[in-house]
Each structure stands twice: as C-alpha cells, then as structure tokens.
C-alpha cells in the first residue's frame, strides 16, 4: 500500500520498522507525488538505503546538499543520515532498506571489515549514474533485486541476500569516492545538536520561543545554532519552527472545530493575518479553504 506521509519521532528518526529482526530487509515501491505535499520529508533511520528513480524527476536532499535525480539514476544513503525526497509530480522510486547485519552478523569478520567502515567513517551518501561502469552494475543489481522482491520465488530471501552482497561489494570497493560528513560540512556533533534543537522546538512550538531559546536548549550560541541547521537541512531554526507549527495547524483545521484565530494561538502565532500568510505560502491554500475542502471530501 502506498504511504502518504513519513512518520518520525522528535529527533526526526523514522518510526516505521523496516523488515524484522529475523530478516532486516525491506523493499518499497513508492511514488513521491502521492505523499503529502509531494514530499517524503526530513527523516533518518539506522538502515542503509538504496533508491532508484524509474519515472519522473526527484529532488533528493542529504543534509545540506541537493540533487536532481532523473530516471535511471540512484542514490545510496548511509545509516543515520538525514534526508528528504521531493517531486513536482509523479516520481516513482523503488527502494530497499536493510540493516548492517543483513549482510553479515555484527560479531563476524565480514561485518568488521566491510560494514564498519561505512558505519564509523562518516560516509554520508553517493549518487549513482549509469555512465560509470561500476555504478551501472549497482543499478542493474538493484533492478534485479526489485524484480525479485515483486515476484518472490521459493528461495527469494537467499537470492535477495546474494544481490545485496553484490551491491555492497561494489560500494565497498569504491568507498574512497564517497563524500563524508566532514567534507560536506556535517559533523556528528552538529547532527546531535540539530536533533536536540528540533526536539526542543517540537516540545515548545506553542510558546513564544526565539532563536536564542533554541540555541540555549543545547548550550550553543545563536550563530552555532544557525550553522548546525545550515549544515544539515536547508532551513533556519525559525523556519523549521514555523514549518512544524504549520503542520500542526494543518491537522487542527481538519480534526477540530476551533476557530482559525484560536488555532493560530495554539501553534504560537498571535496574528491571524500572519498565520494566513505563512499557511498559504507553505501549502498554496488559505486555512479556511483547506478546512472547507477537507469537509467536502
């Protein structure tokens, strides 16, 4: 079934379980255009992710770096990296997610030699293009893996493991080409601070909070708070705050009978006209029209 929204906790970690402890692997066939606002919004997960684009144009953001991916392109996203997918229309993206122990158990020499370098070296992601022979091989293996998952035979789990290992072997052999968090301006400390600040925002969005309050929540200066956001997501702390408030307002308009003025107050905005302006800029519809259209549907 096609998802329509990404579900995350306050740290933006995705809440959906991918696969199971016995088989930590999951295949998805998704159209980004069918998600709310045509966006699989900011999130991260502990699994590795490999995505292919088979139809449409996809904007993929990993931290503060943006890519436009076309049909035939793909991307590898490392464990723990915050990312987002956006489309202007249809964008079909078959993808697989798997934990490191899907390739080999944590106490094995294979895990230590071939998995840990990705988990500990700061590798962030890698865009895959067909004009490179080794990347073309990866994309071909992924295509075979998707077909296998859609047409499961009696030994499909073993075949999926074989194909995933082939993909991983290629990634490992070319890992020196991959960007790291350090050379893309992202650090583990910045990521931790970002998660702390977004948690503070999501727990206090209904209050009058300032950039200074957000920075103080993790014990940094306003300048450092801005840097942490800029190095991870293309939003300032206050932009993230307003975006979160508007997502709350979107639901309140549908699921409550509160007046638009009351809803503006509940999300921390005193001015109804300012709320209207922000809401229309974010969703291209006024709060009142959004409520009325939801009632008709």
C-alpha atoms as a PDB file:
ATOM      1  CA  UNK A   1       0.000   0.000   0.000  1.00  0.00           C
ATOM      2  CA  UNK A   2       1.326   3.453  -0.930  1.00  0.00           C
ATOM      3  CA  UNK A   3       2.287   5.582   2.082  1.00  0.00           C
ATOM      4  CA  UNK A   4       1.196   9.227   2.110  1.00  0.00           C
ATOM      5  CA  UNK A   5       3.298  10.574   4.963  1.00  0.00           C
ATOM      6  CA  UNK A   6       6.616   9.908   6.650  1.00  0.00           C
ATOM      7  CA  UNK A   7       6.262   9.313  10.405  1.00  0.00           C
ATOM      8  CA  UNK A   8       9.118  10.391  12.672  1.00  0.00           C
ATOM      9  CA  UNK A   9       9.843  10.967  16.344  1.00  0.00           C
ATOM     10  CA  UNK A  10      11.016  14.268  17.797  1.00  0.00           C
ATOM     11  CA  UNK A  11      14.579  13.620  16.590  1.00  0.00           C
ATOM     12  CA  UNK A  12      13.294  13.040  13.018  1.00  0.00           C
ATOM     13  CA  UNK A  13      14.084   9.319  13.226  1.00  0.00           C
ATOM     14  CA  UNK A  14      11.602   7.347  11.132  1.00  0.00           C
ATOM     15  CA  UNK A  15       9.171   5.340  13.255  1.00  0.00           C
ATOM     16  CA  UNK A  16       8.392   2.619  10.711  1.00  0.00           C
ATOM     17  CA  UNK A  17      10.182  -0.690  11.234  1.00  0.00           C
ATOM     18  CA  UNK A  18      11.948  -1.875   8.074  1.00  0.00           C
ATOM     19  CA  UNK A  19      11.971  -5.644   7.872  1.00  0.00           C
ATOM     20  CA  UNK A  20      12.229  -7.751  11.020  1.00  0.00           C
ATOM     21  CA  UNK A  21      14.905  -8.910  13.426  1.00  0.00           C
ATOM     22  CA  UNK A  22      14.938 -12.262  11.625  1.00  0.00           C
ATOM     23  CA  UNK A  23      15.138 -10.664   8.160  1.00  0.00           C
ATOM     24  CA  UNK A  24      16.240  -6.994   8.457  1.00  0.00           C
ATOM     25  CA  UNK A  25      15.461  -6.060   4.856  1.00  0.00           C
ATOM     26  CA  UNK A  26      12.530  -4.241   3.259  1.00  0.00           C
ATOM     27  CA  UNK A  27      11.545  -3.346  -0.297  1.00  0.00           C
ATOM     28  CA  UNK A  28       9.259  -0.415  -1.183  1.00  0.00           C
ATOM     29  CA  UNK A  29       7.722   0.784  -4.426  1.00  0.00           C
ATOM     30  CA  UNK A  30       6.648   4.390  -3.904  1.00  0.00           C
ATOM     31  CA  UNK A  31       5.518   7.447  -5.815  1.00  0.00           C
ATOM     32  CA  UNK A  32       6.736  10.583  -4.037  1.00  0.00           C
ATOM     33  CA  UNK A  33       3.992  12.518  -5.818  1.00  0.00           C
ATOM     34  CA  UNK A  34       1.380  10.672  -3.740  1.00  0.00           C
ATOM     35  CA  UNK A  35       2.824  11.763  -0.402  1.00  0.00           C
ATOM     36  CA  UNK A  36       1.506  14.845   1.406  1.00  0.00           C
ATOM     37  CA  UNK A  37       2.843  17.938  -0.355  1.00  0.00           C
ATOM     38  CA  UNK A  38       4.652  15.570  -2.778  1.00  0.00           C
ATOM     39  CA  UNK A  39       7.353  15.201  -0.161  1.00  0.00           C
ATOM     40  CA  UNK A  40       8.917  12.416   1.897  1.00  0.00           C
ATOM     41  CA  UNK A  41      10.027  14.914   4.492  1.00  0.00           C
ATOM     42  CA  UNK A  42      13.203  15.061   6.589  1.00  0.00           C
ATOM     43  CA  UNK A  43      13.957  11.803   8.361  1.00  0.00           C
ATOM     44  CA  UNK A  44      16.724   9.345   9.150  1.00  0.00           C
ATOM     45  CA  UNK A  45      16.955   5.681  10.046  1.00  0.00           C
ATOM     46  CA  UNK A  46      19.579   3.185  11.137  1.00  0.00           C
ATOM     47  CA  UNK A  47      19.220   1.118   7.968  1.00  0.00           C
ATOM     48  CA  UNK A  48      21.189   1.716   4.789  1.00  0.00           C
ATOM     49  CA  UNK A  49      19.000   2.861   1.904  1.00  0.00           C
ATOM     50  CA  UNK A  50      19.375   2.417  -1.846  1.00  0.00           C
ATOM     51  CA  UNK A  51      16.949   4.259  -4.108  1.00  0.00           C
ATOM     52  CA  UNK A  52      16.390   4.189  -7.866  1.00  0.00           C
ATOM     53  CA  UNK A  53      14.326   6.602  -9.940  1.00  0.00           C
ATOM     54  CA  UNK A  54      12.253   4.872 -12.618  1.00  0.00           C
ATOM     55  CA  UNK A  55       9.776   7.614 -13.512  1.00  0.00           C
ATOM     56  CA  UNK A  56       9.649  11.378 -13.068  1.00  0.00           C
ATOM     57  CA  UNK A  57      12.146  13.810 -11.573  1.00  0.00           C
ATOM     58  CA  UNK A  58      13.223  13.555  -7.947  1.00  0.00           C
ATOM     59  CA  UNK A  59      14.846  16.207  -5.789  1.00  0.00           C
ATOM     60  CA  UNK A  60      16.875  14.446  -3.137  1.00  0.00           C
ATOM     61  CA  UNK A  61      18.423  16.331  -0.221  1.00  0.00           C
ATOM     62  CA  UNK A  62      21.012  14.728   2.051  1.00  0.00           C
ATOM     63  CA  UNK A  63      21.927  17.118   4.816  1.00  0.00           C
ATOM     64  CA  UNK A  64      22.546  20.467   3.149  1.00  0.00           C
ATOM     65  CA  UNK A  65      23.255  19.017  -0.318  1.00  0.00           C
ATOM     66  CA  UNK A  66      20.585  18.842  -3.024  1.00  0.00           C
ATOM     67  CA  UNK A  67      20.474  16.634  -6.112  1.00  0.00           C
ATOM     68  CA  UNK A  68      18.128  16.315  -9.057  1.00  0.00           C
ATOM     69  CA  UNK A  69      17.763  12.641  -9.974  1.00  0.00           C
ATOM     70  CA  UNK A  70      16.304  11.525 -13.292  1.00  0.00           C
ATOM     71  CA  UNK A  71      15.029   8.121 -14.480  1.00  0.00           C
ATOM     72  CA  UNK A  72      17.914   5.662 -14.390  1.00  0.00           C
ATOM     73  CA  UNK A  73      19.705   7.453 -11.545  1.00  0.00           C
ATOM     74  CA  UNK A  74      20.006   6.173  -7.999  1.00  0.00           C
ATOM     75  CA  UNK A  75      21.428   7.082  -4.623  1.00  0.00           C
ATOM     76  CA  UNK A  76      22.962   5.311  -1.638  1.00  0.00           C
ATOM     77  CA  UNK A  77      22.200   6.889   1.752  1.00  0.00           C
ATOM     78  CA  UNK A  78      24.223   5.772   4.732  1.00  0.00           C
ATOM     79  CA  UNK A  79      22.863   4.798   8.125  1.00  0.00           C
ATOM     80  CA  UNK A  80      21.893   7.764  10.288  1.00  0.00           C
ATOM     81  CA  UNK A  81      21.946  10.405   7.525  1.00  0.00           C
ATOM     82  CA  UNK A  82      19.082  12.891   7.492  1.00  0.00           C
ATOM     83  CA  UNK A  83      17.453  13.161   4.061  1.00  0.00           C
ATOM     84  CA  UNK A  84      14.340  14.185   2.143  1.00  0.00           C
ATOM     85  CA  UNK A  85      12.714  13.450  -1.232  1.00  0.00           C
ATOM     86  CA  UNK A  86      10.548  15.973  -3.116  1.00  0.00           C
ATOM     87  CA  UNK A  87       8.854  15.856  -6.522  1.00  0.00           C
ATOM     88  CA  UNK A  88       6.931  18.306  -8.671  1.00  0.00           C
ATOM     89  CA  UNK A  89       4.655  15.493  -9.841  1.00  0.00           C
ATOM     90  CA  UNK A  90       4.973  11.752 -10.269  1.00  0.00           C
ATOM     91  CA  UNK A  91       8.329  10.361  -9.110  1.00  0.00           C
ATOM     92  CA  UNK A  92       8.430   6.586  -8.817  1.00  0.00           C
ATOM     93  CA  UNK A  93      11.253   5.336  -6.586  1.00  0.00           C
ATOM     94  CA  UNK A  94      11.647   1.621  -5.892  1.00  0.00           C
ATOM     95  CA  UNK A  95      13.992   1.328  -2.916  1.00  0.00           C
ATOM     96  CA  UNK A  96      15.421  -1.083  -0.388  1.00  0.00           C
ATOM     97  CA  UNK A  97      16.437  -0.583   3.225  1.00  0.00           C
ATOM     98  CA  UNK A  98      18.463  -3.059   5.239  1.00  0.00           C
ATOM     99  CA  UNK A  99      20.380  -3.211   8.492  1.00  0.00           C
ATOM    100  CA  UNK A 100      24.111  -3.883   8.504  1.00  0.00           C
ATOM    101  CA  UNK A 101      23.593  -7.351   9.976  1.00  0.00           C
ATOM    102  CA  UNK A 102      21.547  -8.314   6.920  1.00  0.00           C
ATOM    103  CA  UNK A 103      24.880  -8.601   5.090  1.00  0.00           C
ATOM    104  CA  UNK A 104      26.714 -10.253   7.997  1.00  0.00           C
ATOM    105  CA  UNK A 105      26.275 -10.651  11.797  1.00  0.00           C
ATOM    106  CA  UNK A 106      27.851  -7.972  13.961  1.00  0.00           C
ATOM    107  CA  UNK A 107      30.368 -10.341  15.561  1.00  0.00           C
ATOM    108  CA  UNK A 108      31.672 -11.586  12.209  1.00  0.00           C
ATOM    109  CA  UNK A 109      34.884 -10.650  10.441  1.00  0.00           C
ATOM    110  CA  UNK A 110      32.843  -9.712   7.337  1.00  0.00           C
ATOM    111  CA  UNK A 111      30.862  -7.171   9.364  1.00  0.00           C
ATOM    112  CA  UNK A 112      34.027  -5.746  10.901  1.00  0.00           C
ATOM    113  CA  UNK A 113      35.896  -5.493   7.587  1.00  0.00           C
ATOM    114  CA  UNK A 114      33.136  -4.481   5.184  1.00  0.00           C
ATOM    115  CA  UNK A 115      30.327  -2.862   7.212  1.00  0.00           C
ATOM    116  CA  UNK A 116      32.068  -0.904   9.962  1.00  0.00           C
ATOM    117  CA  UNK A 117      33.955   1.346   7.504  1.00  0.00           C
ATOM    118  CA  UNK A 118      30.568   2.730   6.426  1.00  0.00           C
ATOM    119  CA  UNK A 119      29.196   2.966   9.959  1.00  0.00           C
ATOM    120  CA  UNK A 120      32.215   4.714  11.504  1.00  0.00           C
ATOM    121  CA  UNK A 121      33.997   6.673   8.764  1.00  0.00           C
ATOM    122  CA  UNK A 122      31.482   9.486   8.290  1.00  0.00           C
ATOM    123  CA  UNK A 123      30.451   8.414   4.775  1.00  0.00           C
ATOM    124  CA  UNK A 124      27.162  10.162   4.047  1.00  0.00           C
ATOM    125  CA  UNK A 125      25.787   9.171   0.615  1.00  0.00           C
ATOM    126  CA  UNK A 126      26.623   8.596  -3.029  1.00  0.00           C
ATOM    127  CA  UNK A 127      24.703   9.377  -6.217  1.00  0.00           C
ATOM    128  CA  UNK A 128      24.687   6.535  -8.762  1.00  0.00           C
ATOM    129  CA  UNK A 129      24.773   7.213 -12.514  1.00  0.00           C
ATOM    130  CA  UNK A 130      24.668   4.801 -15.471  1.00  0.00           C
ATOM    131  CA  UNK A 131      27.647   6.404 -17.213  1.00  0.00           C
ATOM    132  CA  UNK A 132      30.038   4.820 -14.697  1.00  0.00           C
ATOM    133  CA  UNK A 133      30.596   1.064 -15.247  1.00  0.00           C
ATOM    134  CA  UNK A 134      30.635   0.108 -11.560  1.00  0.00           C
ATOM    135  CA  UNK A 135      27.645   2.319 -10.763  1.00  0.00           C
ATOM    136  CA  UNK A 136      25.774   0.841 -13.720  1.00  0.00           C
ATOM    137  CA  UNK A 137      26.433  -2.604 -12.224  1.00  0.00           C
ATOM    138  CA  UNK A 138      24.991  -1.457  -8.888  1.00  0.00           C
ATOM    139  CA  UNK A 139      21.890  -0.021 -10.565  1.00  0.00           C
ATOM    140  CA  UNK A 140      21.449  -3.235 -12.557  1.00  0.00           C
ATOM    141  CA  UNK A 141      21.718  -5.347  -9.394  1.00  0.00           C
ATOM    142  CA  UNK A 142      19.157  -3.099  -7.721  1.00  0.00           C
ATOM    143  CA  UNK A 143      16.776  -3.509 -10.649  1.00  0.00           C
ATOM    144  CA  UNK A 144      17.107  -7.292 -10.349  1.00  0.00           C
ATOM    145  CA  UNK A 145      16.582  -7.030  -6.605  1.00  0.00           C
ATOM    146  CA  UNK A 146      13.352  -5.049  -7.056  1.00  0.00           C
ATOM    147  CA  UNK A 147      12.039  -7.618  -9.572  1.00  0.00           C
ATOM    148  CA  UNK A 148      12.893 -10.403  -7.154  1.00  0.00           C
ATOM    149  CA  UNK A 149      11.014  -8.700  -4.313  1.00  0.00           C
ATOM    150  CA  UNK A 150       7.953  -8.184  -6.506  1.00  0.00           C
ATOM    151  CA  UNK A 151       7.946 -11.781  -7.763  1.00  0.00           C
ATOM    152  CA  UNK A 152       9.055 -13.803  -4.774  1.00  0.00           C
ATOM    153  CA  UNK A 153      10.083 -17.354  -5.552  1.00  0.00           C
ATOM    154  CA  UNK A 154      10.663 -20.172  -3.053  1.00  0.00           C
ATOM    155  CA  UNK A 155      14.233 -19.048  -2.263  1.00  0.00           C
ATOM    156  CA  UNK A 156      13.811 -15.300  -2.761  1.00  0.00           C
ATOM    157  CA  UNK A 157      15.281 -14.362   0.641  1.00  0.00           C
ATOM    158  CA  UNK A 158      18.549 -16.119  -0.207  1.00  0.00           C
ATOM    159  CA  UNK A 159      18.607 -14.548  -3.674  1.00  0.00           C
ATOM    160  CA  UNK A 160      17.928 -11.119  -2.141  1.00  0.00           C
ATOM    161  CA  UNK A 161      20.872 -11.599   0.200  1.00  0.00           C
ATOM    162  CA  UNK A 162      23.135 -12.565  -2.707  1.00  0.00           C
ATOM    163  CA  UNK A 163      22.147  -9.481  -4.727  1.00  0.00           C
ATOM    164  CA  UNK A 164      22.516  -7.196  -1.703  1.00  0.00           C
ATOM    165  CA  UNK A 165      26.011  -8.592  -1.114  1.00  0.00           C
ATOM    166  CA  UNK A 166      26.901  -7.939  -4.762  1.00  0.00           C
ATOM    167  CA  UNK A 167      25.744  -4.338  -4.383  1.00  0.00           C
ATOM    168  CA  UNK A 168      27.673  -3.952  -1.145  1.00  0.00           C
ATOM    169  CA  UNK A 169      30.864  -5.385  -2.637  1.00  0.00           C
ATOM    170  CA  UNK A 170      30.739  -2.694  -5.334  1.00  0.00           C
ATOM    171  CA  UNK A 171      30.077   0.057  -2.808  1.00  0.00           C
ATOM    172  CA  UNK A 172      32.913  -1.130  -0.581  1.00  0.00           C
ATOM    173  CA  UNK A 173      35.418  -1.306  -3.436  1.00  0.00           C
ATOM    174  CA  UNK A 174      34.709   2.350  -4.330  1.00  0.00           C
ATOM    175  CA  UNK A 175      34.125   3.799  -0.868  1.00  0.00           C
ATOM    176  CA  UNK A 176      37.101   6.174  -1.266  1.00  0.00           C
ATOM    177  CA  UNK A 177      34.988   8.120  -3.799  1.00  0.00           C
ATOM    178  CA  UNK A 178      32.168   8.721  -1.322  1.00  0.00           C
ATOM    179  CA  UNK A 179      31.693  12.100   0.390  1.00  0.00           C
ATOM    180  CA  UNK A 180      31.931  12.148   4.176  1.00  0.00           C
ATOM    181  CA  UNK A 181      30.075  14.269   6.689  1.00  0.00           C
ATOM    182  CA  UNK A 182      33.251  16.261   7.353  1.00  0.00           C
ATOM    183  CA  UNK A 183      33.863  17.255   3.734  1.00  0.00           C
ATOM    184  CA  UNK A 184      30.200  18.135   3.248  1.00  0.00           C
ATOM    185  CA  UNK A 185      30.177  20.370   6.327  1.00  0.00           C
ATOM    186  CA  UNK A 186      28.258  17.933   8.551  1.00  0.00           C
ATOM    187  CA  UNK A 187      29.648  16.509  11.784  1.00  0.00           C
ATOM    188  CA  UNK A 188      28.273  14.068  14.363  1.00  0.00           C
ATOM    189  CA  UNK A 189      28.268  16.880  16.921  1.00  0.00           C
ATOM    190  CA  UNK A 190      26.248  19.099  14.558  1.00  0.00           C
ATOM    191  CA  UNK A 191      23.798  16.269  13.940  1.00  0.00           C
ATOM    192  CA  UNK A 192      23.389  15.686  17.693  1.00  0.00           C
ATOM    193  CA  UNK A 193      22.842  19.398  18.313  1.00  0.00           C
ATOM    194  CA  UNK A 194      20.352  19.583  15.452  1.00  0.00           C
ATOM    195  CA  UNK A 195      18.342  16.710  16.898  1.00  0.00           C
ATOM    196  CA  UNK A 196      18.371  18.382  20.322  1.00  0.00           C
ATOM    197  CA  UNK A 197      17.160  21.696  18.911  1.00  0.00           C
ATOM    198  CA  UNK A 198      14.417  20.120  16.798  1.00  0.00           C
ATOM    199  CA  UNK A 199      13.282  18.191  19.868  1.00  0.00           C
ATOM    200  CA  UNK A 200      13.109  21.456  21.834  1.00  0.00           C
ATOM    201  CA  UNK A 201      11.116  23.099  19.035  1.00  0.00           C
ATOM    202  CA  UNK A 202       8.640  20.241  18.820  1.00  0.00           C
ATOM    203  CA  UNK A 203       8.095  20.250  22.589  1.00  0.00           C
ATOM    204  CA  UNK A 204       7.680  24.040  22.835  1.00  0.00           C
ATOM    205  CA  UNK A 205       6.322  25.195  19.453  1.00  0.00           C
ATOM    206  CA  UNK A 206       3.156  26.612  21.036  1.00  0.00           C
ATOM    207  CA  UNK A 207       5.169  29.068  23.155  1.00  0.00           C
ATOM    208  CA  UNK A 208       6.853  32.322  22.212  1.00  0.00           C
ATOM    209  CA  UNK A 209      10.333  30.992  21.519  1.00  0.00           C
ATOM    210  CA  UNK A 210      13.240  32.803  19.950  1.00  0.00           C
ATOM    211  CA  UNK A 211      16.426  31.787  18.180  1.00  0.00           C
ATOM    212  CA  UNK A 212      18.244  32.423  21.462  1.00  0.00           C
ATOM    213  CA  UNK A 213      15.911  29.973  23.258  1.00  0.00           C
ATOM    214  CA  UNK A 214      16.512  27.314  20.605  1.00  0.00           C
ATOM    215  CA  UNK A 215      20.292  27.743  20.783  1.00  0.00           C
ATOM    216  CA  UNK A 216      20.264  27.680  24.600  1.00  0.00           C
ATOM    217  CA  UNK A 217      18.398  24.350  24.568  1.00  0.00           C
ATOM    218  CA  UNK A 218      21.654  22.652  23.524  1.00  0.00           C
ATOM    219  CA  UNK A 219      24.040  25.167  25.080  1.00  0.00           C
ATOM    220  CA  UNK A 220      25.343  26.877  21.940  1.00  0.00           C
ATOM    221  CA  UNK A 221      25.394  30.393  20.547  1.00  0.00           C
ATOM    222  CA  UNK A 222      22.822  31.676  18.058  1.00  0.00           C
ATOM    223  CA  UNK A 223      25.493  31.626  15.365  1.00  0.00           C
ATOM    224  CA  UNK A 224      26.324  27.979  16.084  1.00  0.00           C
ATOM    225  CA  UNK A 225      22.617  27.086  16.074  1.00  0.00           C
ATOM    226  CA  UNK A 226      22.277  28.619  12.616  1.00  0.00           C
ATOM    227  CA  UNK A 227      25.385  26.766  11.418  1.00  0.00           C
ATOM    228  CA  UNK A 228      24.084  23.394  12.683  1.00  0.00           C
ATOM    229  CA  UNK A 229      20.844  23.834  10.760  1.00  0.00           C
ATOM    230  CA  UNK A 230      22.547  25.146   7.622  1.00  0.00           C
ATOM    231  CA  UNK A 231      24.953  22.190   7.607  1.00  0.00           C
ATOM    232  CA  UNK A 232      22.138  19.653   7.895  1.00  0.00           C
ATOM    233  CA  UNK A 233      18.884  20.934   6.427  1.00  0.00           C
ATOM    234  CA  UNK A 234      18.215  23.991   4.224  1.00  0.00           C
ATOM    235  CA  UNK A 235      16.115  25.705   6.911  1.00  0.00           C
ATOM    236  CA  UNK A 236      16.946  28.136   9.676  1.00  0.00           C
ATOM    237  CA  UNK A 237      15.785  27.243  13.219  1.00  0.00           C
ATOM    238  CA  UNK A 238      12.919  29.743  12.965  1.00  0.00           C
ATOM    239  CA  UNK A 239      11.907  28.420   9.549  1.00  0.00           C
ATOM    240  CA  UNK A 240      11.860  24.905  10.979  1.00  0.00           C
ATOM    241  CA  UNK A 241       9.754  26.169  13.903  1.00  0.00           C
ATOM    242  CA  UNK A 242       7.181  27.762  11.595  1.00  0.00           C
ATOM    243  CA  UNK A 243       7.122  24.706   9.325  1.00  0.00           C
ATOM    244  CA  UNK A 244       6.402  22.491  12.334  1.00  0.00           C
ATOM    245  CA  UNK A 245       3.707  24.875  13.584  1.00  0.00           C
ATOM    246  CA  UNK A 246       2.000  24.854  10.197  1.00  0.00           C
ATOM    247  CA  UNK A 247       1.991  21.051  10.064  1.00  0.00           C
ATOM    248  CA  UNK A 248       0.177  21.096  13.420  1.00  0.00           C
ATOM    249  CA  UNK A 249      -2.270  23.705  12.125  1.00  0.00           C
ATOM    250  CA  UNK A 250      -2.977  21.574   9.025  1.00  0.00           C
ATOM    251  CA  UNK A 251      -4.285  18.779  11.286  1.00  0.00           C
ATOM    252  CA  UNK A 252      -6.135  21.068  13.713  1.00  0.00           C
ATOM    253  CA  UNK A 253      -8.073  22.659  10.856  1.00  0.00           C
ATOM    254  CA  UNK A 254      -9.336  19.241   9.782  1.00  0.00           C
ATOM    255  CA  UNK A 255      -9.824  17.479  13.113  1.00  0.00           C
ATOM    256  CA  UNK A 256     -11.138  20.263  15.371  1.00  0.00           C
ATOM    257  CA  UNK A 257     -13.828  22.935  15.251  1.00  0.00           C
ATOM    258  CA  UNK A 258     -11.547  25.575  16.773  1.00  0.00           C
ATOM    259  CA  UNK A 259     -11.645  28.944  15.071  1.00  0.00           C
ATOM    260  CA  UNK A 260      -8.757  29.928  12.830  1.00  0.00           C
ATOM    261  CA  UNK A 261      -7.828  32.621  15.372  1.00  0.00           C
ATOM    262  CA  UNK A 262      -7.723  30.020  18.167  1.00  0.00           C
ATOM    263  CA  UNK A 263      -5.618  27.649  16.058  1.00  0.00           C
ATOM    264  CA  UNK A 264      -3.154  30.435  15.308  1.00  0.00           C
ATOM    265  CA  UNK A 265      -2.803  30.969  19.060  1.00  0.00           C
ATOM    266  CA  UNK A 266      -2.464  27.234  19.760  1.00  0.00           C
ATOM    267  CA  UNK A 267       0.544  26.979  17.450  1.00  0.00           C
ATOM    268  CA  UNK A 268       2.251  30.043  18.906  1.00  0.00           C
ATOM    269  CA  UNK A 269       1.232  32.715  16.396  1.00  0.00           C
ATOM    270  CA  UNK A 270      -0.638  35.713  17.817  1.00  0.00           C
ATOM    271  CA  UNK A 271      -1.508  37.309  14.477  1.00  0.00           C
ATOM    272  CA  UNK A 272      -4.198  35.598  12.398  1.00  0.00           C
ATOM    273  CA  UNK A 273      -3.161  37.522   9.293  1.00  0.00           C
ATOM    274  CA  UNK A 274       0.439  36.349   9.733  1.00  0.00           C
ATOM    275  CA  UNK A 275      -0.821  32.771  10.193  1.00  0.00           C
ATOM    276  CA  UNK A 276      -2.871  33.068   6.976  1.00  0.00           C
ATOM    277  CA  UNK A 277       0.138  34.378   5.083  1.00  0.00           C
ATOM    278  CA  UNK A 278       2.502  31.661   6.332  1.00  0.00           C
ATOM    279  CA  UNK A 279      -0.047  28.905   5.714  1.00  0.00           C
ATOM    280  CA  UNK A 280      -0.746  29.989   2.137  1.00  0.00           C
ATOM    281  CA  UNK A 281       2.960  30.304   1.376  1.00  0.00           C
ATOM    282  CA  UNK A 282       3.601  26.776   2.702  1.00  0.00           C
ATOM    283  CA  UNK A 283       0.568  24.938   1.304  1.00  0.00           C
ATOM    284  CA  UNK A 284      -0.661  27.236  -1.528  1.00  0.00           C
ATOM    285  CA  UNK A 285      -4.110  27.408   0.047  1.00  0.00           C
ATOM    286  CA  UNK A 286      -5.639  29.532   2.813  1.00  0.00           C
ATOM    287  CA  UNK A 287      -6.518  27.907   6.171  1.00  0.00           C
ATOM    288  CA  UNK A 288     -10.223  28.490   5.572  1.00  0.00           C
ATOM    289  CA  UNK A 289     -10.177  26.925   2.096  1.00  0.00           C
ATOM    290  CA  UNK A 290      -8.200  23.976   3.427  1.00  0.00           C
ATOM    291  CA  UNK A 291     -10.802  23.376   6.147  1.00  0.00           C
ATOM    292  CA  UNK A 292     -13.714  23.719   3.727  1.00  0.00           C
ATOM    293  CA  UNK A 293     -12.176  21.365   1.137  1.00  0.00           C
ATOM    294  CA  UNK A 294     -11.490  18.761   3.856  1.00  0.00           C
ATOM    295  CA  UNK A 295     -15.148  18.887   4.942  1.00  0.00           C
ATOM    296  CA  UNK A 296     -16.347  18.324   1.351  1.00  0.00           C
ATOM    297  CA  UNK A 297     -14.110  15.294   0.750  1.00  0.00           C
END
